[in-house]
Amino acid sequence: MAKQLDLDFTKARRDQTLPYAKGVDTSRAAASDARPTAGAIRVNIFRAILASQRRGYIADELVAEGLAYSQSASPRLQELRKMGLIVRTKRMRPTRTGKNAYVHVATEFYVPVEDD
């Protein structure tokens, strides 16, 4: 039986601060502005990755499909990795610019032998 995940991380707590570049006012302001929407974006990204099963997603695909802005895809993926919900595999796919990027899959679909 698949374990049920608690996806109640759509609301940012008041004391929660998103990461920003220390000493850079514009970075701190951007993090503050993103706080209310970060949880919703995180949920959308996780749902897409979960639905893709073993195929997974690269950050650029999430942006291309309108699931995240280019500046928010990577931070949300990092947060999902820290939460243990997704894994960055060693598989890569090309971005729209032709550069390779790592594929992320939901933890339950990660197969170390095949993905690494």
PDB file of N, CA and C in Angstrom:
ATOM      1  N   MET A   1       0.846  -1.181   0.000  1.00  0.00           N
ATOM      2  CA  MET A   1       0.000   0.000   0.000  1.00  0.00           C
ATOM      3  C   MET A   1       0.887   1.240   0.000  1.00  0.00           C
ATOM      4  N   ALA A   2       0.604   2.161  -0.884  1.00  0.00           N
ATOM      5  CA  ALA A   2       1.390   3.384  -0.980  1.00  0.00           C
ATOM      6  C   ALA A   2       1.145   4.250   0.244  1.00  0.00           C
ATOM      7  N   LYS A   3       2.215   4.867   0.736  1.00  0.00           N
ATOM      8  CA  LYS A   3       2.038   5.736   1.886  1.00  0.00           C
ATOM      9  C   LYS A   3       1.402   7.043   1.436  1.00  0.00           C
ATOM     10  N   GLN A   4       0.528   7.584   2.259  1.00  0.00           N
ATOM     11  CA  GLN A   4      -0.140   8.833   1.925  1.00  0.00           C
ATOM     12  C   GLN A   4       0.737   9.989   2.350  1.00  0.00           C
ATOM     13  N   LEU A   5       0.920  10.935   1.444  1.00  0.00           N
ATOM     14  CA  LEU A   5       1.759  12.081   1.727  1.00  0.00           C
ATOM     15  C   LEU A   5       0.928  13.241   2.234  1.00  0.00           C
ATOM     16  N   ASP A   6       1.466  13.963   3.191  1.00  0.00           N
ATOM     17  CA  ASP A   6       0.822  15.157   3.696  1.00  0.00           C
ATOM     18  C   ASP A   6       1.292  16.335   2.852  1.00  0.00           C
ATOM     19  N   LEU A   7       0.417  16.832   1.989  1.00  0.00           N
ATOM     20  CA  LEU A   7       0.780  17.933   1.108  1.00  0.00           C
ATOM     21  C   LEU A   7       0.326  19.284   1.652  1.00  0.00           C
ATOM     22  N   ASP A   8       0.135  19.380   2.936  1.00  0.00           N
ATOM     23  CA  ASP A   8      -0.324  20.631   3.520  1.00  0.00           C
ATOM     24  C   ASP A   8       0.853  21.568   3.760  1.00  0.00           C
ATOM     25  N   PHE A   9       1.552  21.922   2.679  1.00  0.00           N
ATOM     26  CA  PHE A   9       2.632  22.901   2.804  1.00  0.00           C
ATOM     27  C   PHE A   9       2.429  24.042   1.828  1.00  0.00           C
ATOM     28  N   THR A  10       1.165  24.391   1.630  1.00  0.00           N
ATOM     29  CA  THR A  10       0.841  25.469   0.697  1.00  0.00           C
ATOM     30  C   THR A  10       0.908  26.841   1.358  1.00  0.00           C
ATOM     31  N   LYS A  11       0.777  26.908   2.647  1.00  0.00           N
ATOM     32  CA  LYS A  11       0.808  28.201   3.329  1.00  0.00           C
ATOM     33  C   LYS A  11       2.152  28.391   4.022  1.00  0.00           C
ATOM     34  N   ALA A  12       2.775  29.512   3.729  1.00  0.00           N
ATOM     35  CA  ALA A  12       4.047  29.826   4.378  1.00  0.00           C
ATOM     36  C   ALA A  12       3.760  30.373   5.784  1.00  0.00           C
ATOM     37  N   ARG A  13       4.489  29.862   6.756  1.00  0.00           N
ATOM     38  CA  ARG A  13       4.350  30.390   8.101  1.00  0.00           C
ATOM     39  C   ARG A  13       4.922  31.800   8.143  1.00  0.00           C
ATOM     40  N   ARG A  14       4.413  32.620   9.047  1.00  0.00           N
ATOM     41  CA  ARG A  14       4.898  34.003   9.149  1.00  0.00           C
ATOM     42  C   ARG A  14       6.384  34.067   9.465  1.00  0.00           C
ATOM     43  N   ASP A  15       6.875  33.144  10.262  1.00  0.00           N
ATOM     44  CA  ASP A  15       8.284  33.186  10.650  1.00  0.00           C
ATOM     45  C   ASP A  15       9.182  32.479   9.649  1.00  0.00           C
ATOM     46  N   GLN A  16       8.608  31.901   8.596  1.00  0.00           N
ATOM     47  CA  GLN A  16       9.403  31.187   7.594  1.00  0.00           C
ATOM     48  C   GLN A  16       9.991  32.178   6.600  1.00  0.00           C
ATOM     49  N   THR A  17      11.283  32.080   6.377  1.00  0.00           N
ATOM     50  CA  THR A  17      11.960  32.945   5.425  1.00  0.00           C
ATOM     51  C   THR A  17      12.529  32.081   4.317  1.00  0.00           C
ATOM     52  N   LEU A  18      12.256  32.455   3.081  1.00  0.00           N
ATOM     53  CA  LEU A  18      12.851  31.747   1.956  1.00  0.00           C
ATOM     54  C   LEU A  18      14.313  32.161   1.834  1.00  0.00           C
ATOM     55  N   PRO A  19      15.152  31.288   1.290  1.00  0.00           N
ATOM     56  CA  PRO A  19      16.568  31.627   1.138  1.00  0.00           C
ATOM     57  C   PRO A  19      16.774  32.845   0.240  1.00  0.00           C
ATOM     58  N   TYR A  20      17.773  33.641   0.572  1.00  0.00           N
ATOM     59  CA  TYR A  20      18.145  34.791  -0.242  1.00  0.00           C
ATOM     60  C   TYR A  20      19.637  35.048  -0.076  1.00  0.00           C
ATOM     61  N   ALA A  21      20.200  35.815  -1.006  1.00  0.00           N
ATOM     62  CA  ALA A  21      21.629  36.142  -0.947  1.00  0.00           C
ATOM     63  C   ALA A  21      21.840  37.174   0.156  1.00  0.00           C
ATOM     64  N   LYS A  22      22.611  36.822   1.156  1.00  0.00           N
ATOM     65  CA  LYS A  22      22.862  37.714   2.288  1.00  0.00           C
ATOM     66  C   LYS A  22      23.543  38.998   1.819  1.00  0.00           C
ATOM     67  N   GLY A  23      23.066  40.110   2.325  1.00  0.00           N
ATOM     68  CA  GLY A  23      23.657  41.403   1.991  1.00  0.00           C
ATOM     69  C   GLY A  23      23.160  41.987   0.677  1.00  0.00           C
ATOM     70  N   VAL A  24      22.215  41.323   0.037  1.00  0.00           N
ATOM     71  CA  VAL A  24      21.677  41.824  -1.237  1.00  0.00           C
ATOM     72  C   VAL A  24      20.203  42.151  -1.019  1.00  0.00           C
ATOM     73  N   ASP A  25      19.909  43.447  -0.942  1.00  0.00           N
ATOM     74  CA  ASP A  25      18.541  43.886  -0.630  1.00  0.00           C
ATOM     75  C   ASP A  25      17.509  43.380  -1.625  1.00  0.00           C
ATOM     76  N   THR A  26      17.861  43.381  -2.912  1.00  0.00           N
ATOM     77  CA  THR A  26      16.887  42.937  -3.920  1.00  0.00           C
ATOM     78  C   THR A  26      16.590  41.447  -3.780  1.00  0.00           C
ATOM     79  N   SER A  27      17.574  40.663  -3.381  1.00  0.00           N
ATOM     80  CA  SER A  27      17.363  39.233  -3.182  1.00  0.00           C
ATOM     81  C   SER A  27      16.440  38.995  -1.992  1.00  0.00           C
ATOM     82  N   ARG A  28      16.675  39.743  -0.920  1.00  0.00           N
ATOM     83  CA  ARG A  28      15.819  39.618   0.264  1.00  0.00           C
ATOM     84  C   ARG A  28      14.374  40.019  -0.066  1.00  0.00           C
ATOM     85  N   ALA A  29      14.198  41.084  -0.833  1.00  0.00           N
ATOM     86  CA  ALA A  29      12.859  41.530  -1.222  1.00  0.00           C
ATOM     87  C   ALA A  29      12.172  40.483  -2.098  1.00  0.00           C
ATOM     88  N   ALA A  30      12.919  39.885  -3.010  1.00  0.00           N
ATOM     89  CA  ALA A  30      12.348  38.855  -3.883  1.00  0.00           C
ATOM     90  C   ALA A  30      11.899  37.647  -3.069  1.00  0.00           C
ATOM     91  N   ALA A  31      12.693  37.255  -2.089  1.00  0.00           N
ATOM     92  CA  ALA A  31      12.332  36.125  -1.234  1.00  0.00           C
ATOM     93  C   ALA A  31      11.070  36.437  -0.442  1.00  0.00           C
ATOM     94  N   SER A  32      10.967  37.656   0.035  1.00  0.00           N
ATOM     95  CA  SER A  32       9.789  38.066   0.794  1.00  0.00           C
ATOM     96  C   SER A  32       8.540  38.064  -0.091  1.00  0.00           C
ATOM     97  N   ASP A  33       8.686  38.546  -1.319  1.00  0.00           N
ATOM     98  CA  ASP A  33       7.553  38.579  -2.254  1.00  0.00           C
ATOM     99  C   ASP A  33       7.107  37.176  -2.657  1.00  0.00           C
ATOM    100  N   ALA A  34       8.038  36.245  -2.749  1.00  0.00           N
ATOM    101  CA  ALA A  34       7.733  34.883  -3.208  1.00  0.00           C
ATOM    102  C   ALA A  34       7.116  34.021  -2.120  1.00  0.00           C
ATOM    103  N   ARG A  35       7.275  34.409  -0.878  1.00  0.00           N
ATOM    104  CA  ARG A  35       6.831  33.570   0.234  1.00  0.00           C
ATOM    105  C   ARG A  35       5.375  33.131   0.142  1.00  0.00           C
ATOM    106  N   PRO A  36       4.426  34.017  -0.172  1.00  0.00           N
ATOM    107  CA  PRO A  36       3.026  33.563  -0.215  1.00  0.00           C
ATOM    108  C   PRO A  36       2.722  32.549  -1.314  1.00  0.00           C
ATOM    109  N   THR A  37       3.458  32.573  -2.420  1.00  0.00           N
ATOM    110  CA  THR A  37       3.157  31.676  -3.541  1.00  0.00           C
ATOM    111  C   THR A  37       4.067  30.452  -3.596  1.00  0.00           C
ATOM    112  N   ALA A  38       5.134  30.451  -2.838  1.00  0.00           N
ATOM    113  CA  ALA A  38       6.107  29.354  -2.912  1.00  0.00           C
ATOM    114  C   ALA A  38       5.464  28.000  -2.607  1.00  0.00           C
ATOM    115  N   GLY A  39       4.595  27.948  -1.615  1.00  0.00           N
ATOM    116  CA  GLY A  39       3.961  26.686  -1.253  1.00  0.00           C
ATOM    117  C   GLY A  39       3.075  26.142  -2.357  1.00  0.00           C
ATOM    118  N   ALA A  40       2.310  27.021  -2.984  1.00  0.00           N
ATOM    119  CA  ALA A  40       1.429  26.586  -4.071  1.00  0.00           C
ATOM    120  C   ALA A  40       2.242  26.092  -5.259  1.00  0.00           C
ATOM    121  N   ILE A  41       3.318  26.787  -5.586  1.00  0.00           N
ATOM    122  CA  ILE A  41       4.193  26.354  -6.683  1.00  0.00           C
ATOM    123  C   ILE A  41       4.824  25.015  -6.347  1.00  0.00           C
ATOM    124  N   ARG A  42       5.254  24.854  -5.101  1.00  0.00           N
ATOM    125  CA  ARG A  42       5.863  23.609  -4.648  1.00  0.00           C
ATOM    126  C   ARG A  42       4.896  22.441  -4.821  1.00  0.00           C
ATOM    127  N   VAL A  43       3.629  22.638  -4.458  1.00  0.00           N
ATOM    128  CA  VAL A  43       2.617  21.591  -4.603  1.00  0.00           C
ATOM    129  C   VAL A  43       2.424  21.240  -6.070  1.00  0.00           C
ATOM    130  N   ASN A  44       2.305  22.253  -6.927  1.00  0.00           N
ATOM    131  CA  ASN A  44       2.112  22.004  -8.358  1.00  0.00           C
ATOM    132  C   ASN A  44       3.283  21.238  -8.960  1.00  0.00           C
ATOM    133  N   ILE A  45       4.481  21.620  -8.574  1.00  0.00           N
ATOM    134  CA  ILE A  45       5.674  20.926  -9.072  1.00  0.00           C
ATOM    135  C   ILE A  45       5.683  19.487  -8.591  1.00  0.00           C
ATOM    136  N   PHE A  46       5.413  19.284  -7.309  1.00  0.00           N
ATOM    137  CA  PHE A  46       5.435  17.922  -6.777  1.00  0.00           C
ATOM    138  C   PHE A  46       4.386  17.052  -7.447  1.00  0.00           C
ATOM    139  N   ARG A  47       3.198  17.581  -7.636  1.00  0.00           N
ATOM    140  CA  ARG A  47       2.138  16.803  -8.287  1.00  0.00           C
ATOM    141  C   ARG A  47       2.533  16.404  -9.707  1.00  0.00           C
ATOM    142  N   ALA A  48       3.157  17.325 -10.428  1.00  0.00           N
ATOM    143  CA  ALA A  48       3.596  17.023 -11.801  1.00  0.00           C
ATOM    144  C   ALA A  48       4.671  15.947 -11.797  1.00  0.00           C
ATOM    145  N   ILE A  49       5.639  16.069 -10.901  1.00  0.00           N
ATOM    146  CA  ILE A  49       6.724  15.082 -10.823  1.00  0.00           C
ATOM    147  C   ILE A  49       6.161  13.723 -10.420  1.00  0.00           C
ATOM    148  N   LEU A  50       5.254  13.715  -9.465  1.00  0.00           N
ATOM    149  CA  LEU A  50       4.643  12.462  -9.023  1.00  0.00           C
ATOM    150  C   LEU A  50       3.869  11.813 -10.164  1.00  0.00           C
ATOM    151  N   ALA A  51       3.097  12.597 -10.898  1.00  0.00           N
ATOM    152  CA  ALA A  51       2.301  12.065 -12.004  1.00  0.00           C
ATOM    153  C   ALA A  51       3.176  11.549 -13.145  1.00  0.00           C
ATOM    154  N   SER A  52       4.369  12.107 -13.293  1.00  0.00           N
ATOM    155  CA  SER A  52       5.266  11.682 -14.381  1.00  0.00           C
ATOM    156  C   SER A  52       5.942  10.347 -14.089  1.00  0.00           C
ATOM    157  N   GLN A  53       5.807   9.883 -12.870  1.00  0.00           N
ATOM    158  CA  GLN A  53       6.385   8.621 -12.410  1.00  0.00           C
ATOM    159  C   GLN A  53       7.891   8.567 -12.694  1.00  0.00           C
ATOM    160  N   ARG A  54       8.370   7.567 -13.436  1.00  0.00           N
ATOM    161  CA  ARG A  54       9.815   7.390 -13.651  1.00  0.00           C
ATOM    162  C   ARG A  54      10.399   8.394 -14.643  1.00  0.00           C
ATOM    163  N   ARG A  55       9.560   9.001 -15.475  1.00  0.00           N
ATOM    164  CA  ARG A  55      10.083   9.960 -16.454  1.00  0.00           C
ATOM    165  C   ARG A  55      10.682  11.173 -15.752  1.00  0.00           C
ATOM    166  N   GLY A  56      10.002  11.698 -14.734  1.00  0.00           N
ATOM    167  CA  GLY A  56      10.489  12.844 -13.999  1.00  0.00           C
ATOM    168  C   GLY A  56      10.463  14.131 -14.801  1.00  0.00           C
ATOM    169  N   TYR A  57      11.057  15.155 -14.235  1.00  0.00           N
ATOM    170  CA  TYR A  57      11.106  16.484 -14.849  1.00  0.00           C
ATOM    171  C   TYR A  57      12.470  17.112 -14.628  1.00  0.00           C
ATOM    172  N   ILE A  58      12.869  17.953 -15.571  1.00  0.00           N
ATOM    173  CA  ILE A  58      13.986  18.870 -15.345  1.00  0.00           C
ATOM    174  C   ILE A  58      13.348  20.231 -15.073  1.00  0.00           C
ATOM    175  N   ALA A  59      14.080  21.136 -14.433  1.00  0.00           N
ATOM    176  CA  ALA A  59      13.530  22.444 -14.068  1.00  0.00           C
ATOM    177  C   ALA A  59      12.993  23.182 -15.296  1.00  0.00           C
ATOM    178  N   ASP A  60      13.696  23.121 -16.391  1.00  0.00           N
ATOM    179  CA  ASP A  60      13.290  23.844 -17.594  1.00  0.00           C
ATOM    180  C   ASP A  60      11.942  23.341 -18.131  1.00  0.00           C
ATOM    181  N   GLU A  61      11.667  22.065 -17.988  1.00  0.00           N
ATOM    182  CA  GLU A  61      10.371  21.524 -18.428  1.00  0.00           C
ATOM    183  C   GLU A  61       9.237  22.065 -17.561  1.00  0.00           C
ATOM    184  N   LEU A  62       9.500  22.223 -16.270  1.00  0.00           N
ATOM    185  CA  LEU A  62       8.492  22.785 -15.371  1.00  0.00           C
ATOM    186  C   LEU A  62       8.160  24.217 -15.773  1.00  0.00           C
ATOM    187  N   VAL A  63       9.184  24.974 -16.149  1.00  0.00           N
ATOM    188  CA  VAL A  63       8.988  26.354 -16.594  1.00  0.00           C
ATOM    189  C   VAL A  63       8.234  26.371 -17.925  1.00  0.00           C
ATOM    190  N   ALA A  64       8.655  25.521 -18.851  1.00  0.00           N
ATOM    191  CA  ALA A  64       8.027  25.480 -20.181  1.00  0.00           C
ATOM    192  C   ALA A  64       6.551  25.111 -20.097  1.00  0.00           C
ATOM    193  N   GLU A  65       6.183  24.296 -19.126  1.00  0.00           N
ATOM    194  CA  GLU A  65       4.782  23.887 -18.957  1.00  0.00           C
ATOM    195  C   GLU A  65       3.986  24.865 -18.089  1.00  0.00           C
ATOM    196  N   GLY A  66       4.631  25.936 -17.647  1.00  0.00           N
ATOM    197  CA  GLY A  66       3.940  26.955 -16.869  1.00  0.00           C
ATOM    198  C   GLY A  66       3.699  26.594 -15.418  1.00  0.00           C
ATOM    199  N   LEU A  67       4.434  25.617 -14.906  1.00  0.00           N
ATOM    200  CA  LEU A  67       4.262  25.199 -13.511  1.00  0.00           C
ATOM    201  C   LEU A  67       5.080  26.045 -12.545  1.00  0.00           C
ATOM    202  N   ALA A  68       6.062  26.787 -13.070  1.00  0.00           N
ATOM    203  CA  ALA A  68       6.908  27.639 -12.241  1.00  0.00           C
ATOM    204  C   ALA A  68       7.559  28.690 -13.123  1.00  0.00           C
ATOM    205  N   TYR A  69       7.954  29.795 -12.501  1.00  0.00           N
ATOM    206  CA  TYR A  69       8.741  30.796 -13.202  1.00  0.00           C
ATOM    207  C   TYR A  69      10.194  30.333 -13.217  1.00  0.00           C
ATOM    208  N   SER A  70      10.964  30.853 -14.138  1.00  0.00           N
ATOM    209  CA  SER A  70      12.352  30.404 -14.246  1.00  0.00           C
ATOM    210  C   SER A  70      13.131  30.636 -12.951  1.00  0.00           C
ATOM    211  N   GLN A  71      12.812  31.705 -12.223  1.00  0.00           N
ATOM    212  CA  GLN A  71      13.534  31.991 -10.974  1.00  0.00           C
ATOM    213  C   GLN A  71      13.040  31.162  -9.793  1.00  0.00           C
ATOM    214  N   SER A  72      11.897  30.486  -9.949  1.00  0.00           N
ATOM    215  CA  SER A  72      11.355  29.752  -8.804  1.00  0.00           C
ATOM    216  C   SER A  72      11.431  28.237  -8.935  1.00  0.00           C
ATOM    217  N   ALA A  73      11.716  27.717 -10.114  1.00  0.00           N
ATOM    218  CA  ALA A  73      11.726  26.262 -10.300  1.00  0.00           C
ATOM    219  C   ALA A  73      12.820  25.587  -9.466  1.00  0.00           C
ATOM    220  N   SER A  74      14.047  26.050  -9.601  1.00  0.00           N
ATOM    221  CA  SER A  74      15.159  25.408  -8.877  1.00  0.00           C
ATOM    222  C   SER A  74      15.024  25.496  -7.366  1.00  0.00           C
ATOM    223  N   PRO A  75      14.660  26.663  -6.800  1.00  0.00           N
ATOM    224  CA  PRO A  75      14.478  26.699  -5.337  1.00  0.00           C
ATOM    225  C   PRO A  75      13.390  25.753  -4.845  1.00  0.00           C
ATOM    226  N   ARG A  76      12.284  25.629  -5.595  1.00  0.00           N
ATOM    227  CA  ARG A  76      11.208  24.724  -5.170  1.00  0.00           C
ATOM    228  C   ARG A  76      11.662  23.268  -5.265  1.00  0.00           C
ATOM    229  N   LEU A  77      12.442  22.938  -6.305  1.00  0.00           N
ATOM    230  CA  LEU A  77      12.976  21.572  -6.419  1.00  0.00           C
ATOM    231  C   LEU A  77      13.901  21.277  -5.239  1.00  0.00           C
ATOM    232  N   GLN A  78      14.731  22.235  -4.886  1.00  0.00           N
ATOM    233  CA  GLN A  78      15.640  22.043  -3.747  1.00  0.00           C
ATOM    234  C   GLN A  78      14.851  21.821  -2.456  1.00  0.00           C
ATOM    235  N   GLU A  79      13.788  22.581  -2.255  1.00  0.00           N
ATOM    236  CA  GLU A  79      12.964  22.401  -1.058  1.00  0.00           C
ATOM    237  C   GLU A  79      12.319  21.019  -1.038  1.00  0.00           C
ATOM    238  N   LEU A  80      11.810  20.568  -2.175  1.00  0.00           N
ATOM    239  CA  LEU A  80      11.203  19.231  -2.243  1.00  0.00           C
ATOM    240  C   LEU A  80      12.238  18.140  -1.983  1.00  0.00           C
ATOM    241  N   ARG A  81      13.471  18.332  -2.462  1.00  0.00           N
ATOM    242  CA  ARG A  81      14.542  17.368  -2.161  1.00  0.00           C
ATOM    243  C   ARG A  81      14.821  17.339  -0.666  1.00  0.00           C
ATOM    244  N   LYS A  82      14.910  18.505  -0.035  1.00  0.00           N
ATOM    245  CA  LYS A  82      15.173  18.560   1.408  1.00  0.00           C
ATOM    246  C   LYS A  82      14.049  17.923   2.213  1.00  0.00           C
ATOM    247  N   MET A  83      12.825  17.990   1.680  1.00  0.00           N
ATOM    248  CA  MET A  83      11.676  17.371   2.355  1.00  0.00           C
ATOM    249  C   MET A  83      11.649  15.859   2.139  1.00  0.00           C
ATOM    250  N   GLY A  84      12.508  15.355   1.266  1.00  0.00           N
ATOM    251  CA  GLY A  84      12.559  13.922   0.997  1.00  0.00           C
ATOM    252  C   GLY A  84      11.485  13.443   0.033  1.00  0.00           C
ATOM    253  N   LEU A  85      10.816  14.364  -0.662  1.00  0.00           N
ATOM    254  CA  LEU A  85       9.731  13.992  -1.564  1.00  0.00           C
ATOM    255  C   LEU A  85      10.208  13.667  -2.974  1.00  0.00           C
ATOM    256  N   ILE A  86      11.331  14.252  -3.383  1.00  0.00           N
ATOM    257  CA  ILE A  86      11.879  13.974  -4.710  1.00  0.00           C
ATOM    258  C   ILE A  86      13.371  13.694  -4.606  1.00  0.00           C
ATOM    259  N   VAL A  87      13.913  13.107  -5.664  1.00  0.00           N
ATOM    260  CA  VAL A  87      15.341  12.787  -5.747  1.00  0.00           C
ATOM    261  C   VAL A  87      15.870  13.335  -7.066  1.00  0.00           C
ATOM    262  N   ARG A  88      17.042  13.937  -7.025  1.00  0.00           N
ATOM    263  CA  ARG A  88      17.707  14.336  -8.258  1.00  0.00           C
ATOM    264  C   ARG A  88      18.528  13.145  -8.732  1.00  0.00           C
ATOM    265  N   THR A  89      18.151  12.616  -9.880  1.00  0.00           N
ATOM    266  CA  THR A  89      18.842  11.445 -10.410  1.00  0.00           C
ATOM    267  C   THR A  89      20.109  11.880 -11.133  1.00  0.00           C
ATOM    268  N   LYS A  90      20.866  10.920 -11.603  1.00  0.00           N
ATOM    269  CA  LYS A  90      22.041  11.229 -12.419  1.00  0.00           C
ATOM    270  C   LYS A  90      21.685  11.276 -13.901  1.00  0.00           C
ATOM    271  N   ARG A  91      20.424  10.955 -14.220  1.00  0.00           N
ATOM    272  CA  ARG A  91      19.966  11.068 -15.607  1.00  0.00           C
ATOM    273  C   ARG A  91      19.855  12.538 -15.976  1.00  0.00           C
ATOM    274  N   MET A  92      20.105  12.840 -17.235  1.00  0.00           N
ATOM    275  CA  MET A  92      20.015  14.217 -17.708  1.00  0.00           C
ATOM    276  C   MET A  92      19.242  14.270 -19.015  1.00  0.00           C
ATOM    277  N   ARG A  93      18.618  15.438 -19.250  1.00  0.00           N
ATOM    278  CA  ARG A  93      17.944  15.725 -20.509  1.00  0.00           C
ATOM    279  C   ARG A  93      18.310  17.141 -20.917  1.00  0.00           C
ATOM    280  N   PRO A  94      18.265  17.417 -22.216  1.00  0.00           N
ATOM    281  CA  PRO A  94      18.603  18.770 -22.660  1.00  0.00           C
ATOM    282  C   PRO A  94      17.486  19.780 -22.350  1.00  0.00           C
ATOM    283  N   THR A  95      17.900  20.977 -21.999  1.00  0.00           N
ATOM    284  CA  THR A  95      16.962  22.084 -21.811  1.00  0.00           C
ATOM    285  C   THR A  95      16.617  22.668 -23.177  1.00  0.00           C
ATOM    286  N   ARG A  96      15.779  23.685 -23.186  1.00  0.00           N
ATOM    287  CA  ARG A  96      15.423  24.339 -24.446  1.00  0.00           C
ATOM    288  C   ARG A  96      16.623  25.016 -25.098  1.00  0.00           C
ATOM    289  N   THR A  97      17.652  25.316 -24.324  1.00  0.00           N
ATOM    290  CA  THR A  97      18.854  25.935 -24.896  1.00  0.00           C
ATOM    291  C   THR A  97      19.918  24.908 -25.261  1.00  0.00           C
ATOM    292  N   GLY A  98      19.612  23.626 -25.038  1.00  0.00           N
ATOM    293  CA  GLY A  98      20.548  22.567 -25.405  1.00  0.00           C
ATOM    294  C   GLY A  98      21.504  22.124 -24.314  1.00  0.00           C
ATOM    295  N   LYS A  99      21.469  22.771 -23.167  1.00  0.00           N
ATOM    296  CA  LYS A  99      22.324  22.368 -22.043  1.00  0.00           C
ATOM    297  C   LYS A  99      21.649  21.215 -21.304  1.00  0.00           C
ATOM    298  N   ASN A 100      22.448  20.322 -20.744  1.00  0.00           N
ATOM    299  CA  ASN A 100      21.893  19.193 -19.998  1.00  0.00           C
ATOM    300  C   ASN A 100      21.504  19.606 -18.587  1.00  0.00           C
ATOM    301  N   ALA A 101      20.415  19.022 -18.089  1.00  0.00           N
ATOM    302  CA  ALA A 101      19.942  19.284 -16.735  1.00  0.00           C
ATOM    303  C   ALA A 101      19.521  17.966 -16.097  1.00  0.00           C
ATOM    304  N   TYR A 102      19.667  17.901 -14.773  1.00  0.00           N
ATOM    305  CA  TYR A 102      19.309  16.685 -14.035  1.00  0.00           C
ATOM    306  C   TYR A 102      17.807  16.465 -13.995  1.00  0.00           C
ATOM    307  N   VAL A 103      17.422  15.200 -14.060  1.00  0.00           N
ATOM    308  CA  VAL A 103      16.025  14.790 -13.971  1.00  0.00           C
ATOM    309  C   VAL A 103      15.681  14.539 -12.506  1.00  0.00           C
ATOM    310  N   HIS A 104      14.538  15.051 -12.072  1.00  0.00           N
ATOM    311  CA  HIS A 104      14.037  14.837 -10.720  1.00  0.00           C
ATOM    312  C   HIS A 104      12.839  13.901 -10.788  1.00  0.00           C
ATOM    313  N   VAL A 105      12.803  12.919  -9.884  1.00  0.00           N
ATOM    314  CA  VAL A 105      11.672  11.991  -9.803  1.00  0.00           C
ATOM    315  C   VAL A 105      11.171  11.946  -8.366  1.00  0.00           C
ATOM    316  N   ALA A 106       9.904  11.557  -8.212  1.00  0.00           N
ATOM    317  CA  ALA A 106       9.362  11.360  -6.863  1.00  0.00           C
ATOM    318  C   ALA A 106      10.117  10.223  -6.196  1.00  0.00           C
ATOM    319  N   THR A 107      10.352  10.351  -4.922  1.00  0.00           N
ATOM    320  CA  THR A 107      11.127   9.365  -4.170  1.00  0.00           C
ATOM    321  C   THR A 107      10.600   7.951  -4.379  1.00  0.00           C
ATOM    322  N   GLU A 108       9.283   7.801  -4.431  1.00  0.00           N
ATOM    323  CA  GLU A 108       8.720   6.448  -4.564  1.00  0.00           C
ATOM    324  C   GLU A 108       8.986   5.816  -5.936  1.00  0.00           C
ATOM    325  N   PHE A 109       9.371   6.616  -6.929  1.00  0.00           N
ATOM    326  CA  PHE A 109       9.659   6.083  -8.249  1.00  0.00           C
ATOM    327  C   PHE A 109      11.159   6.004  -8.553  1.00  0.00           C
ATOM    328  N   TYR A 110      11.978   6.382  -7.596  1.00  0.00           N
ATOM    329  CA  TYR A 110      13.432   6.391  -7.781  1.00  0.00           C
ATOM    330  C   TYR A 110      13.975   4.969  -7.715  1.00  0.00           C
ATOM    331  N   VAL A 111      14.713   4.585  -8.745  1.00  0.00           N
ATOM    332  CA  VAL A 111      15.352   3.267  -8.815  1.00  0.00           C
ATOM    333  C   VAL A 111      16.851   3.519  -8.939  1.00  0.00           C
ATOM    334  N   PRO A 112      17.622   3.382  -7.850  1.00  0.00           N
ATOM    335  CA  PRO A 112      19.036   3.752  -7.874  1.00  0.00           C
ATOM    336  C   PRO A 112      19.848   3.101  -8.990  1.00  0.00           C
ATOM    337  N   VAL A 113      19.668   1.839  -9.239  1.00  0.00           N
ATOM    338  CA  VAL A 113      20.480   1.146 -10.245  1.00  0.00           C
ATOM    339  C   VAL A 113      20.223   1.724 -11.633  1.00  0.00           C
ATOM    340  N   GLU A 114      18.972   2.008 -11.941  1.00  0.00           N
ATOM    341  CA  GLU A 114      18.627   2.518 -13.271  1.00  0.00           C
ATOM    342  C   GLU A 114      18.831   4.025 -13.382  1.00  0.00           C
ATOM    343  N   ASP A 115      18.648   4.744 -12.298  1.00  0.00           N
ATOM    344  CA  ASP A 115      18.730   6.206 -12.338  1.00  0.00           C
ATOM    345  C   ASP A 115      20.139   6.741 -12.105  1.00  0.00           C
ATOM    346  N   ASP A 116      21.033   5.904 -11.640  1.00  0.00           N
ATOM    347  CA  ASP A 116      22.383   6.389 -11.342  1.00  0.00           C
ATOM    348  C   ASP A 116      23.442   5.735 -12.191  1.00  0.00           C
TER     349      ASP A 116
END
